[in-house]
């Protein structure tokens, strides 16, 4: 429910539809904390996604680092560390037509951008990007992942 919530949200946003959880596996730590989680999701349009999250992976390039990798018939897109890009990041793409992109960006923390957006919303200068319905949809998928992994859903 920590790192995995972002991955599930990215996939739901990209797909524009709600997935079904096909399978899930977790490693549970103290007090019911999910240390690792793997899940296979299927979307109504037919594409499948795999979520693999760990809070204890000794091979992660950065503590808590996260990546998003999308593979399809038109190519591969990989985004390294979208949650904490100020600690190092990379966006790379290899398209079927041979086009390649490989860049890192000088950026601030994601919290800074969230706070700036929140202030603009309070000032009536911007509409929220997501809302309560989206958050409820994300939690419904996370609850289904927990159930498929055999973990209790905690409220």
C-alpha atoms as a PDB file:
ATOM      1  CA  UNK A   1       0.000   0.000   0.000  1.00  0.00           C
ATOM      2  CA  UNK A   2       3.042   2.254  -0.020  1.00  0.00           C
ATOM      3  CA  UNK A   3       5.009   1.989  -3.255  1.00  0.00           C
ATOM      4  CA  UNK A   4       2.426  -0.246  -4.956  1.00  0.00           C
ATOM      5  CA  UNK A   5      -0.326   2.364  -4.802  1.00  0.00           C
ATOM      6  CA  UNK A   6       1.653   4.528  -7.233  1.00  0.00           C
ATOM      7  CA  UNK A   7       2.219   1.678  -9.687  1.00  0.00           C
ATOM      8  CA  UNK A   8      -1.458   0.728  -9.638  1.00  0.00           C
ATOM      9  CA  UNK A   9      -2.469   4.358 -10.170  1.00  0.00           C
ATOM     10  CA  UNK A  10      -0.068   4.802 -13.105  1.00  0.00           C
ATOM     11  CA  UNK A  11      -1.439   1.671 -14.776  1.00  0.00           C
ATOM     12  CA  UNK A  12      -5.070   2.673 -14.232  1.00  0.00           C
ATOM     13  CA  UNK A  13      -4.341   6.145 -15.586  1.00  0.00           C
ATOM     14  CA  UNK A  14      -2.518   4.854 -18.667  1.00  0.00           C
ATOM     15  CA  UNK A  15      -5.188   2.239 -19.395  1.00  0.00           C
ATOM     16  CA  UNK A  16      -8.125   4.503 -18.615  1.00  0.00           C
ATOM     17  CA  UNK A  17      -9.977   1.518 -17.218  1.00  0.00           C
ATOM     18  CA  UNK A  18     -10.198  -0.635 -14.095  1.00  0.00           C
ATOM     19  CA  UNK A  19      -8.254  -3.917 -13.931  1.00  0.00           C
ATOM     20  CA  UNK A  20      -9.082  -7.334 -12.608  1.00  0.00           C
ATOM     21  CA  UNK A  21      -6.476  -8.893 -10.306  1.00  0.00           C
ATOM     22  CA  UNK A  22      -5.431 -12.259 -11.749  1.00  0.00           C
ATOM     23  CA  UNK A  23      -2.940 -13.173  -9.023  1.00  0.00           C
ATOM     24  CA  UNK A  24      -0.863 -11.675  -6.235  1.00  0.00           C
ATOM     25  CA  UNK A  25       1.884 -12.765  -3.875  1.00  0.00           C
ATOM     26  CA  UNK A  26       3.189 -10.923  -0.818  1.00  0.00           C
ATOM     27  CA  UNK A  27       5.860 -11.150   1.828  1.00  0.00           C
ATOM     28  CA  UNK A  28       4.421  -9.903   5.091  1.00  0.00           C
ATOM     29  CA  UNK A  29       6.544  -8.236   7.747  1.00  0.00           C
ATOM     30  CA  UNK A  30       5.812  -7.184  11.314  1.00  0.00           C
ATOM     31  CA  UNK A  31       2.370  -5.893  12.243  1.00  0.00           C
ATOM     32  CA  UNK A  32       0.902  -6.889   8.866  1.00  0.00           C
ATOM     33  CA  UNK A  33       3.173  -4.669   6.788  1.00  0.00           C
ATOM     34  CA  UNK A  34       3.566  -5.854   3.207  1.00  0.00           C
ATOM     35  CA  UNK A  35       7.318  -5.858   2.540  1.00  0.00           C
ATOM     36  CA  UNK A  36       6.999  -7.147  -1.011  1.00  0.00           C
ATOM     37  CA  UNK A  37       4.067  -7.488  -3.377  1.00  0.00           C
ATOM     38  CA  UNK A  38       3.731  -8.911  -6.848  1.00  0.00           C
ATOM     39  CA  UNK A  39       0.484  -8.762  -8.763  1.00  0.00           C
ATOM     40  CA  UNK A  40      -0.729  -9.566 -12.249  1.00  0.00           C
ATOM     41  CA  UNK A  41      -3.534  -7.365 -13.518  1.00  0.00           C
ATOM     42  CA  UNK A  42      -5.693  -7.632 -16.634  1.00  0.00           C
ATOM     43  CA  UNK A  43      -7.558  -4.701 -18.133  1.00  0.00           C
ATOM     44  CA  UNK A  44     -10.858  -4.936 -20.059  1.00  0.00           C
ATOM     45  CA  UNK A  45      -9.064  -3.978 -23.284  1.00  0.00           C
ATOM     46  CA  UNK A  46      -7.027  -7.187 -22.923  1.00  0.00           C
ATOM     47  CA  UNK A  47      -3.589  -5.947 -21.928  1.00  0.00           C
ATOM     48  CA  UNK A  48      -1.857  -7.289 -18.862  1.00  0.00           C
ATOM     49  CA  UNK A  49       0.345  -5.571 -16.337  1.00  0.00           C
ATOM     50  CA  UNK A  50       2.722  -6.841 -13.681  1.00  0.00           C
ATOM     51  CA  UNK A  51       3.375  -4.909 -10.478  1.00  0.00           C
ATOM     52  CA  UNK A  52       6.472  -5.850  -8.499  1.00  0.00           C
ATOM     53  CA  UNK A  53       7.120  -3.779  -5.364  1.00  0.00           C
ATOM     54  CA  UNK A  54       9.572  -4.173  -2.504  1.00  0.00           C
ATOM     55  CA  UNK A  55      10.510  -2.136   0.528  1.00  0.00           C
ATOM     56  CA  UNK A  56      13.440  -4.474   1.238  1.00  0.00           C
ATOM     57  CA  UNK A  57      15.049  -5.194  -2.170  1.00  0.00           C
ATOM     58  CA  UNK A  58      18.820  -5.172  -1.615  1.00  0.00           C
ATOM     59  CA  UNK A  59      19.403  -4.782  -5.366  1.00  0.00           C
ATOM     60  CA  UNK A  60      17.434  -1.534  -5.731  1.00  0.00           C
ATOM     61  CA  UNK A  61      19.623   1.225  -7.144  1.00  0.00           C
ATOM     62  CA  UNK A  62      18.387   3.659  -4.479  1.00  0.00           C
ATOM     63  CA  UNK A  63      16.545   2.955  -1.232  1.00  0.00           C
ATOM     64  CA  UNK A  64      12.871   3.161  -2.101  1.00  0.00           C
ATOM     65  CA  UNK A  65      13.614   3.633  -5.804  1.00  0.00           C
ATOM     66  CA  UNK A  66      10.796   2.945  -8.218  1.00  0.00           C
ATOM     67  CA  UNK A  67      10.601   2.414 -11.941  1.00  0.00           C
ATOM     68  CA  UNK A  68       7.840   2.143 -14.497  1.00  0.00           C
ATOM     69  CA  UNK A  69       8.399   0.007 -17.584  1.00  0.00           C
ATOM     70  CA  UNK A  70       5.887  -0.270 -20.401  1.00  0.00           C
ATOM     71  CA  UNK A  71       6.411  -2.750 -23.229  1.00  0.00           C
ATOM     72  CA  UNK A  72       4.245  -2.964 -26.306  1.00  0.00           C
ATOM     73  CA  UNK A  73       4.333  -3.594 -30.030  1.00  0.00           C
ATOM     74  CA  UNK A  74       5.453   0.006 -30.666  1.00  0.00           C
ATOM     75  CA  UNK A  75       8.399  -0.067 -28.273  1.00  0.00           C
ATOM     76  CA  UNK A  76       9.573   0.175 -24.670  1.00  0.00           C
ATOM     77  CA  UNK A  77       9.332   3.125 -22.265  1.00  0.00           C
ATOM     78  CA  UNK A  78      11.130   3.136 -18.926  1.00  0.00           C
ATOM     79  CA  UNK A  79      10.941   5.832 -16.264  1.00  0.00           C
ATOM     80  CA  UNK A  80      13.416   5.463 -13.403  1.00  0.00           C
ATOM     81  CA  UNK A  81      12.529   6.997 -10.037  1.00  0.00           C
ATOM     82  CA  UNK A  82       9.395   9.043 -10.779  1.00  0.00           C
ATOM     83  CA  UNK A  83       8.611   9.227  -7.034  1.00  0.00           C
ATOM     84  CA  UNK A  84      11.868  10.851  -5.914  1.00  0.00           C
ATOM     85  CA  UNK A  85      13.395  12.200  -9.143  1.00  0.00           C
ATOM     86  CA  UNK A  86      15.585  14.641  -7.220  1.00  0.00           C
ATOM     87  CA  UNK A  87      17.639  11.610  -6.100  1.00  0.00           C
ATOM     88  CA  UNK A  88      18.370  10.615  -9.698  1.00  0.00           C
ATOM     89  CA  UNK A  89      16.094   9.811 -12.595  1.00  0.00           C
ATOM     90  CA  UNK A  90      16.054   8.663 -16.190  1.00  0.00           C
ATOM     91  CA  UNK A  91      13.485   8.450 -18.977  1.00  0.00           C
ATOM     92  CA  UNK A  92      14.330   6.160 -21.855  1.00  0.00           C
ATOM     93  CA  UNK A  93      12.394   4.883 -24.835  1.00  0.00           C
ATOM     94  CA  UNK A  94      13.167   2.552 -27.705  1.00  0.00           C
ATOM     95  CA  UNK A  95      10.534   2.628 -30.405  1.00  0.00           C
ATOM     96  CA  UNK A  96       9.905  -0.002 -33.062  1.00  0.00           C
ATOM     97  CA  UNK A  97      10.933   2.487 -35.777  1.00  0.00           C
ATOM     98  CA  UNK A  98      14.432   2.742 -34.241  1.00  0.00           C
ATOM     99  CA  UNK A  99      13.901   6.049 -32.413  1.00  0.00           C
ATOM    100  CA  UNK A 100      15.679   6.167 -29.047  1.00  0.00           C
ATOM    101  CA  UNK A 101      15.405   8.675 -26.210  1.00  0.00           C
ATOM    102  CA  UNK A 102      17.522   8.632 -23.057  1.00  0.00           C
ATOM    103  CA  UNK A 103      17.337  11.636 -20.729  1.00  0.00           C
ATOM    104  CA  UNK A 104      17.557  12.618 -17.104  1.00  0.00           C
ATOM    105  CA  UNK A 105      15.953  15.778 -15.783  1.00  0.00           C
ATOM    106  CA  UNK A 106      16.974  18.379 -13.213  1.00  0.00           C
ATOM    107  CA  UNK A 107      13.846  18.505 -11.070  1.00  0.00           C
ATOM    108  CA  UNK A 108      12.652  19.205  -7.546  1.00  0.00           C
ATOM    109  CA  UNK A 109      10.809  16.860  -5.230  1.00  0.00           C
ATOM    110  CA  UNK A 110       7.415  15.548  -6.231  1.00  0.00           C
ATOM    111  CA  UNK A 111       6.112  16.917  -2.912  1.00  0.00           C
ATOM    112  CA  UNK A 112       7.075  20.429  -4.001  1.00  0.00           C
ATOM    113  CA  UNK A 113       5.070  20.076  -7.224  1.00  0.00           C
ATOM    114  CA  UNK A 114       2.117  18.613  -5.306  1.00  0.00           C
ATOM    115  CA  UNK A 115       2.183  21.503  -2.827  1.00  0.00           C
ATOM    116  CA  UNK A 116       2.405  24.096  -5.607  1.00  0.00           C
ATOM    117  CA  UNK A 117      -0.562  22.477  -7.360  1.00  0.00           C
ATOM    118  CA  UNK A 118      -2.535  22.364  -4.101  1.00  0.00           C
ATOM    119  CA  UNK A 119      -1.932  26.094  -3.536  1.00  0.00           C
ATOM    120  CA  UNK A 120      -3.132  26.863  -7.089  1.00  0.00           C
ATOM    121  CA  UNK A 121      -6.252  24.766  -6.450  1.00  0.00           C
ATOM    122  CA  UNK A 122      -6.992  26.593  -3.192  1.00  0.00           C
ATOM    123  CA  UNK A 123      -6.551  29.886  -5.042  1.00  0.00           C
ATOM    124  CA  UNK A 124      -9.012  28.755  -7.742  1.00  0.00           C
ATOM    125  CA  UNK A 125      -6.303  28.770 -10.432  1.00  0.00           C
ATOM    126  CA  UNK A 126      -6.338  25.039 -11.154  1.00  0.00           C
ATOM    127  CA  UNK A 127      -8.686  22.072 -10.971  1.00  0.00           C
ATOM    128  CA  UNK A 128      -7.578  18.913  -9.147  1.00  0.00           C
ATOM    129  CA  UNK A 129      -5.954  16.338 -11.411  1.00  0.00           C
ATOM    130  CA  UNK A 130      -7.547  13.468  -9.497  1.00  0.00           C
ATOM    131  CA  UNK A 131     -10.302  13.309  -6.945  1.00  0.00           C
ATOM    132  CA  UNK A 132     -12.128  11.100  -4.510  1.00  0.00           C
ATOM    133  CA  UNK A 133     -13.555   8.785  -7.150  1.00  0.00           C
ATOM    134  CA  UNK A 134     -10.061   8.054  -8.474  1.00  0.00           C
ATOM    135  CA  UNK A 135      -8.713   7.391  -4.966  1.00  0.00           C
ATOM    136  CA  UNK A 136     -11.607   5.000  -4.251  1.00  0.00           C
ATOM    137  CA  UNK A 137     -10.914   3.191  -7.548  1.00  0.00           C
ATOM    138  CA  UNK A 138      -7.250   2.813  -6.636  1.00  0.00           C
ATOM    139  CA  UNK A 139      -8.064   1.447  -3.183  1.00  0.00           C
ATOM    140  CA  UNK A 140     -10.539  -1.038  -4.684  1.00  0.00           C
ATOM    141  CA  UNK A 141      -7.722  -2.477  -6.809  1.00  0.00           C
ATOM    142  CA  UNK A 142      -5.319  -2.509  -3.832  1.00  0.00           C
ATOM    143  CA  UNK A 143      -7.922  -4.312  -1.714  1.00  0.00           C
ATOM    144  CA  UNK A 144      -8.317  -6.902  -4.492  1.00  0.00           C
ATOM    145  CA  UNK A 145      -4.515  -7.334  -4.647  1.00  0.00           C
ATOM    146  CA  UNK A 146      -4.379  -7.848  -0.869  1.00  0.00           C
ATOM    147  CA  UNK A 147      -7.194 -10.403  -1.046  1.00  0.00           C
ATOM    148  CA  UNK A 148      -5.542 -12.273  -3.923  1.00  0.00           C
ATOM    149  CA  UNK A 149      -2.289 -12.379  -1.910  1.00  0.00           C
ATOM    150  CA  UNK A 150      -4.134 -13.780   1.113  1.00  0.00           C
ATOM    151  CA  UNK A 151      -3.572 -10.697   3.261  1.00  0.00           C
ATOM    152  CA  UNK A 152      -6.309  -9.188   5.415  1.00  0.00           C
ATOM    153  CA  UNK A 153      -7.726  -5.861   4.324  1.00  0.00           C
ATOM    154  CA  UNK A 154      -7.147  -3.380   7.139  1.00  0.00           C
ATOM    155  CA  UNK A 155      -9.265  -0.312   7.630  1.00  0.00           C
END
